[in-house]
Each structure stands twice: as C-alpha cells, then as structure tokens.
Amino acid sequence: MSILVNKNTRVITQGITGKAGQSHTRMCREYGNGKNCFVAGVHPQKAGLDFEGIPIYGSVKEARERTGATVSVIYVPPESAAAAIDEAVDAGMELVICVTRDIPTQDMIRTVDRMQGKKTVLLGPNCPGIITPGEIKIGLMSAHVRKKGHIGVVSRVGMLTDDVVSQLMEDGFAQSTCVGIGGDPVCGLKYIDVMRMFNDDPETDAVIMAGELDGDAEEVCARWVKDNMKKPVVGFIADEAHSGGKGFAEKKLAVMEECGIVVARDPAELGAVLKTALYDDSFWMIS
C-alpha cells in the first residue's frame, strides 16, 4: 500500500498548457504508471484541444466527470492559483496538489477557510508534490533515486526530500511514499497529518521526518508522535551546520528526542539511525 496516491490514481493537470504544466506532466507520465494516471488537462479557453494525447477540458468539473479523476495538480501563476484550488474543491476532487509558489497570503487564507467542511485534501501550496515509488509521481521531485519499499518520508521541500531519499537508498532503505508538504505559512497538509497517514498504512514500517529551521511544525508533530505513533520515527533538521542555524536546529532536535524520535544530525547518519530505530525498540517506544 501507500498513502494518498498509487498506480490507480487518475490525475488532472490544471495549467497543462503552460511551460511548467507541460514539462512536469510529460515527466510524470514517463514514470511508473503515469501514462494511465494522467488523464486530463484543464484550460477554459482551450477546451477540445489536447496535450500529447491528453484531452483538455474547459473546467475541472467537466474533466472529473469525463475521466473519473480524483486528484488535481496545479501549475498556474500565483495570482490565479488560489482560484484554481477553489475550482478543484468545488468540483469535488479528493486531493489537490498545488505546486505554485508565491501565492498571496490573503488569497490562501480565504481559500483554506472556504475549504472547511469539504472532503478535499490540499497538499501545498509551494510544494514539490508526492511520489509512490514505481507507481506514480505528481509534481517536481526527482524520481530516479526512488525504489518501492517500506519507509515513509515527509519533508517541506523537494531538494531536501531528494537528499534524504538518496541517502536512504545508499543505505539500502526503499520508500513507501515520499511527501513534500511545502513551506508556506498557510497551507493544507502538515507534518502531523502525513504522520497520521503513515501510522495507519500497513506497508510503512518507519518514517523519516526531515524538517527545517523556521516555524514549530516539527515540534508540534513530535508531540503528536509521542502520544500516538506506533512506528519508529527518525528526525532530521536541514541546515543545522549553517552559520546561525545550529542553535535553532538543536532546539528542534531536543524536542524530538524528548518525544521518542531518534534523531540524525547529519544526512550521512540517516541509515544507521534508521536501523537503530527499526531494530531496537528501546530507542523509540514511549511507555
């Protein structure tokens, strides 16, 4: 199994006629079951056309009704992105992945507020997307370093996710699903939401949480892990060694350790630390 997406997921690309939408849709189609997963594009002025065989519809609602798609990925300019999310939510999409960055904060506050009570789950904005290795890739993350396995990975940005996964692969650990939640202050899924999904996924044996210096999302998630997580969690904070960052990182890592998370202070340690977390219960079980 995996979380959020798999080889049977059907995806709509909002912004498929733009440079980014075309480039990333093409790359995503070439990965895993992508040729079957990416079933439609949306552009209100270009309905009836197609992009490399993918039909373009005038609205998300029409695209969903015609194809049965349940996921939408958004590559539209910042000034239009919140409205694109709104359209996908109103069309009843189950998951919306917004890659677009620099969306006005007020736009996102309004959009997240109007999503309350709706069934749609939002990943992003300003996120690198998601990969279930060997099955489907949606968004910007590199796919070549990934292999199907049993380690969940969650981080904010794509480059950090790629670095973590590369190190895991060197140490022989493959992944169940890799999720990039994005770094904007107003967003959809947070660490804690993804951690809950991994906790419930029978095919995920342990989770890597790769965090950053700003905000307190990592600490909030760590406290949830202490009270609820049934699987080992390894924590890592990027930029710990950078000038001025070490102190902030140590504070976050200290909270993680207090909550039973095994921490790595260098990416090269991830494999060894993960082995400790997986095979020695005393390092992660909370009484």
Protein backbone atom coordinates (compact mmCIF):
# COMPACT_ATOMS: atom_id res chain seq x y z
CA MET A 1 0.00 0.00 0.00
CA SER A 2 0.90 3.69 0.05
CA ILE A 3 -0.65 6.94 1.20
CA LEU A 4 -2.64 9.45 -0.85
CA VAL A 5 -1.76 8.17 -4.37
CA ASN A 6 -0.98 4.90 -6.14
CA LYS A 7 -0.85 3.32 -9.61
CA ASN A 8 -4.64 3.51 -9.91
CA THR A 9 -4.89 7.25 -9.18
CA ARG A 10 -6.26 9.39 -12.01
CA VAL A 11 -4.91 12.94 -12.27
CA ILE A 12 -5.98 16.24 -13.85
CA THR A 13 -3.39 18.92 -14.62
CA GLN A 14 -4.62 22.48 -14.11
CA GLY A 15 -2.32 24.70 -16.15
CA ILE A 16 -1.41 22.00 -18.64
CA THR A 17 -0.89 24.48 -21.48
CA GLY A 18 1.81 26.44 -19.64
CA LYS A 19 5.51 25.66 -19.81
CA ALA A 20 5.71 24.21 -16.28
CA GLY A 21 2.49 22.26 -16.61
CA GLN A 22 3.56 20.68 -19.87
CA SER A 23 7.11 19.90 -18.78
CA HIS A 24 6.19 18.27 -15.49
CA THR A 25 3.15 16.46 -16.83
CA ARG A 26 5.35 14.95 -19.52
CA MET A 27 7.97 13.81 -16.97
CA CYS A 28 5.32 12.44 -14.62
CA ARG A 29 3.70 10.45 -17.43
CA GLU A 30 7.04 8.79 -18.12
CA TYR A 31 7.29 7.49 -14.55
CA GLY A 32 5.63 4.35 -13.23
CA ASN A 33 2.04 4.03 -14.42
CA GLY A 34 1.97 7.70 -15.42
CA LYS A 35 0.68 7.14 -18.93
CA ASN A 36 -2.51 5.75 -17.44
CA CYS A 37 -2.64 8.07 -14.44
CA PHE A 38 -2.61 11.47 -16.17
CA VAL A 39 -5.95 11.58 -17.91
CA ALA A 40 -6.90 15.24 -18.45
CA GLY A 41 -5.85 18.85 -18.54
CA VAL A 42 -7.88 21.99 -17.86
CA HIS A 43 -7.88 25.37 -19.60
CA PRO A 44 -11.12 27.35 -20.03
CA GLN A 45 -10.06 28.81 -23.39
CA LYS A 46 -8.59 25.64 -24.87
CA ALA A 47 -11.27 23.01 -24.32
CA GLY A 48 -11.35 20.43 -27.09
CA LEU A 49 -7.60 20.52 -27.71
CA ASP A 50 -5.09 18.08 -26.29
CA PHE A 51 -1.54 17.93 -25.00
CA GLU A 52 0.34 14.93 -26.36
CA GLY A 53 -2.87 12.95 -26.38
CA ILE A 54 -4.19 14.19 -23.02
CA PRO A 55 -7.61 15.80 -23.60
CA ILE A 56 -8.11 19.37 -22.38
CA TYR A 57 -11.44 20.34 -20.83
CA GLY A 58 -12.89 23.73 -20.02
CA SER A 59 -13.34 23.10 -16.30
CA VAL A 60 -12.20 20.78 -13.54
CA LYS A 61 -15.79 19.63 -13.04
CA GLU A 62 -16.10 18.54 -16.66
CA ALA A 63 -12.70 16.84 -16.59
CA ARG A 64 -13.61 14.92 -13.44
CA GLU A 65 -16.99 13.86 -14.83
CA ARG A 66 -15.49 12.71 -18.14
CA THR A 67 -12.48 10.84 -16.73
CA GLY A 68 -13.27 9.86 -13.15
CA ALA A 69 -10.12 11.65 -11.92
CA THR A 70 -9.87 12.20 -8.17
CA VAL A 71 -6.61 14.22 -7.97
CA SER A 72 -5.68 17.58 -9.43
CA VAL A 73 -2.20 19.10 -9.69
CA ILE A 74 -1.89 22.87 -10.15
CA TYR A 75 0.77 24.68 -12.19
CA VAL A 76 -0.77 28.12 -12.69
CA PRO A 77 0.58 31.63 -11.93
CA PRO A 78 0.43 32.82 -8.29
CA GLU A 79 -2.35 35.32 -8.92
CA SER A 80 -4.62 32.54 -10.26
CA ALA A 81 -3.59 29.64 -8.05
CA ALA A 82 -5.99 30.12 -5.14
CA ALA A 83 -8.91 30.33 -7.57
CA ALA A 84 -7.67 27.13 -9.22
CA ILE A 85 -7.69 25.39 -5.83
CA ASP A 86 -11.22 26.71 -5.23
CA GLU A 87 -12.37 25.28 -8.55
CA ALA A 88 -10.91 21.86 -7.78
CA VAL A 89 -12.53 21.84 -4.33
CA ASP A 90 -15.90 22.86 -5.77
CA ALA A 91 -15.59 20.08 -8.36
CA GLY A 92 -15.24 17.51 -5.57
CA MET A 93 -11.63 16.45 -6.13
CA GLU A 94 -10.33 14.26 -3.32
CA LEU A 95 -6.75 15.56 -3.37
CA VAL A 96 -5.39 18.85 -4.75
CA ILE A 97 -1.62 19.26 -5.09
CA CYS A 98 -0.61 22.90 -5.56
CA VAL A 99 2.96 23.32 -6.79
CA THR A 100 2.67 27.08 -7.37
CA ARG A 101 4.73 29.30 -5.08
CA ASP A 102 4.38 32.96 -4.03
CA ILE A 103 0.58 32.85 -3.80
CA PRO A 104 -0.65 35.96 -1.93
CA THR A 105 -1.18 35.03 1.72
CA GLN A 106 -4.61 36.63 1.87
CA ASP A 107 -5.71 34.52 -1.10
CA MET A 108 -4.64 31.33 0.69
CA ILE A 109 -6.27 32.36 3.97
CA ARG A 110 -9.56 32.78 2.13
CA THR A 111 -9.16 29.51 0.20
CA VAL A 112 -8.23 27.40 3.23
CA ASP A 113 -11.12 28.92 5.16
CA ARG A 114 -13.68 28.08 2.46
CA MET A 115 -12.34 24.50 2.34
CA GLN A 116 -13.58 23.86 5.87
CA GLY A 117 -16.13 21.07 5.86
CA LYS A 118 -15.23 19.94 2.32
CA LYS A 119 -13.89 16.48 1.54
CA THR A 120 -10.91 17.77 -0.46
CA VAL A 121 -7.40 17.38 0.97
CA LEU A 122 -4.86 20.07 -0.03
CA LEU A 123 -1.14 19.39 -0.40
CA GLY A 124 0.78 22.65 -0.70
CA PRO A 125 0.98 25.30 -1.97
CA ASN A 126 4.65 25.79 -2.82
CA CYS A 127 5.17 22.05 -2.51
CA PRO A 128 7.26 19.58 -4.55
CA GLY A 129 4.46 17.02 -4.68
CA ILE A 130 4.38 13.31 -3.96
CA ILE A 131 5.84 10.04 -5.21
CA THR A 132 4.78 6.47 -4.55
CA PRO A 133 7.88 4.73 -5.93
CA GLY A 134 7.40 2.58 -9.00
CA GLU A 135 3.77 3.64 -9.31
CA ILE A 136 3.15 7.37 -9.66
CA LYS A 137 4.89 10.74 -9.39
CA ILE A 138 2.97 14.02 -9.16
CA GLY A 139 4.93 17.28 -9.00
CA LEU A 140 8.58 18.23 -9.07
CA MET A 141 10.54 15.65 -7.08
CA SER A 142 13.23 13.57 -8.75
CA ALA A 143 12.15 10.00 -9.43
CA HIS A 144 15.35 8.23 -10.44
CA VAL A 145 16.64 7.74 -6.88
CA ARG A 146 13.48 6.10 -5.57
CA LYS A 147 12.54 2.46 -5.11
CA LYS A 148 9.44 0.79 -3.68
CA GLY A 149 9.82 -0.20 -0.05
CA HIS A 150 8.56 0.41 3.47
CA ILE A 151 9.98 3.74 4.71
CA GLY A 152 7.75 6.81 4.60
CA VAL A 153 9.38 10.20 4.01
CA VAL A 154 7.87 13.61 4.73
CA SER A 155 9.56 16.99 4.36
CA ARG A 156 8.72 20.51 3.30
CA VAL A 157 10.82 20.98 0.15
CA GLY A 158 11.76 18.79 -2.78
CA MET A 159 15.53 19.16 -2.66
CA LEU A 160 15.60 18.06 0.97
CA THR A 161 13.38 15.07 0.17
CA ASP A 162 15.66 14.10 -2.70
CA ASP A 163 18.75 14.33 -0.47
CA VAL A 164 17.16 12.22 2.24
CA VAL A 165 15.97 9.57 -0.22
CA SER A 166 19.39 9.40 -1.92
CA GLN A 167 21.00 8.73 1.44
CA LEU A 168 18.39 6.11 2.32
CA MET A 169 18.98 4.34 -0.98
CA GLU A 170 22.73 4.25 -0.33
CA ASP A 171 21.97 2.51 2.94
CA GLY A 172 19.53 0.03 1.38
CA PHE A 173 16.21 1.54 2.50
CA ALA A 174 13.44 1.95 -0.10
CA GLN A 175 10.29 4.00 0.35
CA SER A 176 6.53 3.53 0.60
CA THR A 177 5.58 7.14 -0.23
CA CYS A 178 7.55 10.42 -0.26
CA VAL A 179 5.53 13.56 0.52
CA GLY A 180 6.58 17.21 0.22
CA ILE A 181 4.15 19.37 2.19
CA GLY A 182 5.52 22.77 1.15
CA GLY A 183 6.88 25.62 3.19
CA ASP A 184 4.23 28.34 3.08
CA PRO A 185 2.69 29.59 6.36
CA VAL A 186 -0.87 28.99 5.11
CA CYS A 187 -1.12 25.52 3.67
CA GLY A 188 -3.01 22.25 3.59
CA LEU A 189 -1.50 19.04 4.96
CA LYS A 190 1.05 19.43 7.73
CA TYR A 191 3.63 17.04 9.15
CA ILE A 192 1.17 15.76 11.70
CA ASP A 193 -1.44 14.91 9.04
CA VAL A 194 1.02 12.94 6.92
CA MET A 195 2.44 11.21 10.00
CA ARG A 196 -1.08 10.07 10.91
CA MET A 197 -1.50 8.56 7.43
CA PHE A 198 1.82 6.72 7.64
CA ASN A 199 0.86 5.44 11.08
CA ASP A 200 -2.26 3.85 9.57
CA ASP A 201 -0.52 2.46 6.47
CA PRO A 202 0.26 -1.26 6.93
CA GLU A 203 3.06 -1.13 4.34
CA THR A 204 5.02 1.65 6.08
CA ASP A 205 7.38 0.35 8.77
CA ALA A 206 9.05 3.62 9.81
CA VAL A 207 9.03 7.32 8.88
CA ILE A 208 11.70 9.93 8.20
CA MET A 209 10.63 13.48 9.14
CA ALA A 210 13.00 15.96 7.52
CA GLY A 211 12.44 19.40 8.97
CA GLU A 212 13.71 22.94 8.62
CA LEU A 213 14.75 25.73 10.96
CA ASP A 214 11.72 28.03 10.79
CA GLY A 215 8.36 27.57 12.48
CA ASP A 216 7.28 24.97 15.04
CA ALA A 217 5.56 22.37 12.85
CA GLU A 218 8.24 19.79 13.62
CA GLU A 219 7.81 20.22 17.38
CA VAL A 220 4.02 20.02 17.13
CA CYS A 221 4.33 16.81 15.14
CA ALA A 222 6.89 15.38 17.57
CA ARG A 223 4.47 15.79 20.47
CA TRP A 224 1.78 14.00 18.48
CA VAL A 225 4.25 11.21 17.73
CA LYS A 226 4.95 10.78 21.45
CA ASP A 227 1.28 10.22 22.24
CA ASN A 228 0.11 8.37 19.15
CA MET A 229 2.75 6.89 16.85
CA LYS A 230 3.05 3.11 16.72
CA LYS A 231 6.05 3.08 14.38
CA PRO A 232 9.64 4.32 14.62
CA VAL A 233 10.28 7.90 13.52
CA VAL A 234 13.67 9.39 12.60
CA GLY A 235 14.05 13.16 12.70
CA PHE A 236 16.48 15.37 10.82
CA ILE A 237 16.74 19.17 10.58
CA ALA A 238 18.25 20.67 7.45
CA ASP A 239 20.85 23.45 7.59
CA GLU A 240 21.91 22.56 11.13
CA ALA A 241 25.54 23.24 10.28
CA HIS A 242 24.90 26.57 8.58
CA SER A 243 26.00 29.73 10.34
CA GLY A 244 23.38 30.81 12.86
CA GLY A 245 21.27 27.70 12.32
CA LYS A 246 22.84 25.21 14.68
CA GLY A 247 21.17 26.54 17.80
CA PHE A 248 17.69 26.54 16.30
CA ALA A 249 18.19 23.04 14.94
CA GLU A 250 19.38 21.73 18.29
CA LYS A 251 16.25 23.05 19.99
CA LYS A 252 14.04 21.23 17.50
CA LEU A 253 16.11 18.06 17.75
CA ALA A 254 15.94 18.21 21.54
CA VAL A 255 12.13 18.27 21.42
CA MET A 256 12.16 15.36 19.00
CA GLU A 257 14.41 13.32 21.30
CA GLU A 258 12.22 14.13 24.31
CA CYS A 259 9.27 12.75 22.32
CA GLY A 260 10.98 9.46 21.50
CA ILE A 261 12.10 10.31 17.96
CA VAL A 262 15.57 9.08 17.04
CA VAL A 263 17.47 12.00 15.52
CA ALA A 264 20.20 12.25 12.90
CA ARG A 265 22.42 15.32 12.98
CA ASP A 266 23.95 14.64 9.59
CA PRO A 267 22.34 13.15 6.46
CA ALA A 268 25.08 10.53 6.34
CA GLU A 269 23.80 9.19 9.68
CA LEU A 270 20.26 8.52 8.47
CA GLY A 271 20.78 4.89 7.54
CA ALA A 272 22.49 3.95 10.79
CA VAL A 273 19.95 5.87 12.85
CA LEU A 274 17.06 4.27 10.97
CA LYS A 275 18.49 0.81 11.64
CA THR A 276 18.64 1.69 15.33
CA ALA A 277 15.03 2.88 15.27
CA LEU A 278 13.79 -0.19 13.42
CA TYR A 279 15.63 -2.89 15.30
CA ASP A 280 15.96 -1.60 18.87
CA ASP A 281 12.55 -0.79 20.35
CA SER A 282 14.08 0.90 23.38
CA PHE A 283 15.15 3.83 21.22
CA TRP A 284 11.67 4.80 20.10
CA MET A 285 8.93 3.15 22.14
CA ILE A 286 7.23 5.51 24.57
CA SER A 287 5.93 3.97 27.75
